[in-house]
Protein backbone atom coordinates (compact mmCIF):
# COMPACT_ATOMS: atom_id res chain seq x y z
CA MET A 1 61.61 -16.12 124.83
CA THR A 2 59.68 -16.41 128.07
CA LYS A 3 60.25 -14.17 131.08
CA ILE A 4 62.04 -16.98 132.94
CA GLU A 5 64.33 -17.67 129.97
CA ARG A 6 65.03 -13.97 129.57
CA ARG A 7 65.80 -13.55 133.28
CA THR A 8 68.14 -16.57 133.20
CA TRP A 9 69.81 -15.22 130.08
CA LEU A 10 70.32 -11.83 131.73
CA GLN A 11 71.84 -13.46 134.82
CA ASP A 12 74.25 -15.43 132.63
CA LEU A 13 75.06 -12.24 130.79
CA ARG A 14 75.87 -10.39 134.02
CA GLU A 15 78.18 -13.21 135.12
CA ASN A 16 79.99 -13.52 131.82
CA ALA A 17 81.95 -10.34 131.10
CA GLU A 18 83.11 -11.60 127.71
CA MET A 19 79.54 -11.82 126.44
CA MET A 20 78.81 -8.30 127.61
CA TRP A 21 81.44 -7.03 125.19
CA LEU A 22 79.26 -8.41 122.41
CA LEU A 23 75.99 -7.16 123.87
CA MET A 24 73.55 -6.03 121.19
CA LEU A 25 70.49 -3.94 121.84
CA THR A 26 68.44 -6.32 119.72
CA ILE A 27 67.82 -8.62 122.67
CA SER A 28 64.29 -8.94 123.90
CA ALA A 29 64.97 -7.46 127.33
CA SER A 30 63.35 -4.24 128.39
CA GLN A 31 65.23 -0.95 128.01
CA SER A 32 65.44 -0.47 131.78
CA GLU A 33 67.11 -3.87 132.21
CA ILE A 34 69.62 -3.04 129.50
CA ARG A 35 70.38 0.36 131.08
CA GLN A 36 70.87 -1.29 134.47
CA ILE A 37 73.38 -3.77 133.03
CA LEU A 38 75.23 -1.08 131.11
CA SER A 39 75.42 1.39 133.98
CA SER A 40 76.65 -1.11 136.54
CA HIS A 41 79.26 -2.93 134.47
CA PHE A 42 80.62 -0.67 131.74
CA TYR A 43 83.36 1.92 131.57
CA VAL A 44 83.69 4.35 128.71
CA LEU A 45 87.22 4.59 127.37
CA CYS A 46 88.58 6.63 124.52
CA CYS A 47 91.77 6.05 122.61
CA THR A 48 93.42 9.03 121.00
CA PRO A 49 96.03 8.67 118.29
CA SER A 50 98.78 11.16 119.03
CA LYS A 51 98.95 12.87 115.62
CA GLU A 52 95.38 12.80 114.35
CA GLY A 53 93.61 13.96 117.48
CA ARG A 54 90.40 12.08 116.65
CA GLN A 55 88.88 9.95 119.38
CA LEU A 56 87.17 6.57 119.41
CA PHE A 57 84.94 5.69 122.33
CA PHE A 58 84.51 2.14 123.60
CA LYS A 59 82.18 0.69 126.18
CA VAL A 60 83.82 -2.16 128.01
CA VAL A 61 83.34 -4.29 131.08
CA GLN A 62 85.52 -3.64 134.12
CA ASP A 63 86.96 -7.16 133.94
CA LEU A 64 87.59 -7.24 130.18
CA GLU A 65 91.23 -7.52 129.14
CA LEU A 66 92.11 -4.34 127.27
CA VAL A 67 93.83 -6.25 124.46
CA LYS A 68 90.41 -6.64 122.82
CA VAL A 69 89.84 -2.89 122.88
CA PHE A 70 93.35 -2.24 121.58
CA LYS A 71 93.01 -4.67 118.68
CA ASP A 72 89.61 -3.23 117.76
CA PHE A 73 91.09 0.28 117.89
CA CYS A 74 93.95 -0.76 115.59
CA ASP A 75 91.54 -2.45 113.16
CA ARG A 76 89.43 0.69 112.91
CA ARG A 77 92.53 2.87 112.35
CA ASN A 78 94.17 0.43 109.89
CA MET A 79 97.17 0.04 112.18
CA GLU A 80 99.06 -3.08 113.21
CA TYR A 81 98.54 -3.92 116.88
CA GLU A 82 102.22 -4.80 117.35
CA THR A 83 103.33 -1.30 116.28
CA VAL A 84 101.17 0.69 118.72
CA ARG A 85 101.77 1.43 122.41
CA PHE A 86 98.93 2.39 124.71
CA LEU A 87 99.43 4.74 127.65
CA TYR A 88 97.23 5.54 130.64
CA ASP A 89 98.35 8.24 133.08
CA GLY A 90 101.74 8.28 131.35
CA ALA A 91 102.43 4.58 131.91
CA HIS A 92 102.49 1.77 129.35
CA ILE A 93 99.43 -0.51 129.52
CA ASN A 94 99.78 -4.24 129.14
CA GLY A 95 97.00 -5.76 127.03
CA ARG A 96 96.29 -8.32 129.77
CA GLN A 97 95.34 -5.60 132.24
CA THR A 98 91.72 -4.66 132.90
CA PRO A 99 90.12 -1.30 133.76
CA LYS A 100 89.53 -2.68 137.25
CA MET A 101 93.26 -3.46 137.70
CA LEU A 102 94.17 0.06 136.58
CA ASN A 103 91.49 1.70 138.77
CA MET A 104 90.05 3.49 135.75
CA GLU A 105 87.09 5.77 136.15
CA ASN A 106 84.26 6.34 133.74
CA GLY A 107 85.55 8.39 130.82
CA ALA A 108 89.19 7.40 131.28
CA GLU A 109 91.41 8.37 128.36
CA ILE A 110 93.98 6.04 126.85
CA PHE A 111 96.56 7.45 124.46
CA ALA A 112 97.72 5.44 121.46
CA ALA A 113 101.13 6.15 119.96
CA ARG A 114 103.10 4.35 117.30
CA GLN A 115 106.00 2.46 118.78
CA GLN A 116 109.33 3.90 117.72
CA LEU A 117 112.63 2.09 117.86
CA GLY A 118 115.96 3.85 117.67
CA GLY A 119 117.03 7.34 118.49
CA GLY A 120 118.57 8.06 121.84
CA VAL A 121 122.30 7.54 122.42
CA ALA A 122 123.06 6.01 118.99
CA THR A 123 121.67 9.07 117.21
CA LEU A 124 123.66 11.42 119.44
CA LEU A 125 126.88 9.49 118.80
CA TYR A 126 126.26 9.48 115.05
CA SER A 127 125.59 13.21 114.97
CA HIS A 128 128.69 13.93 117.07
CA VAL A 129 131.04 11.73 115.00
CA PHE A 130 129.80 12.92 111.61
CA ASN A 131 128.93 16.48 112.66
CA ARG A 132 125.33 16.11 111.54
CA SER A 133 122.24 17.19 113.40
CA PHE A 134 118.75 15.77 113.12
């Protein structure tokens, strides 16, 4: 790859946020060019499962829809994406939102919790009628 081809490729890479998600360090660009791209466009996010306490760190582009991060997180944890809710600053995150939309800073922490249906009023009524506690 010539210098002109490499420079054009890097410009395309900067413009296309989706490709930056798949960026590999095996490209023939110099290390300083790679660091410049990574430092100017990436946020570091970590997802924490509520019970396990282990963290996974992801590097993503500011304009990348978080659904890709969430699905990757679920794949790595052997969880179904539809059964997990993701929270940032105590609020539910829609998968179509981006770090830029949420004003996330570098090192932002996203909590992952299994979605739970039920409980609430129905459980209280059941326990009151049948004199059972949970």
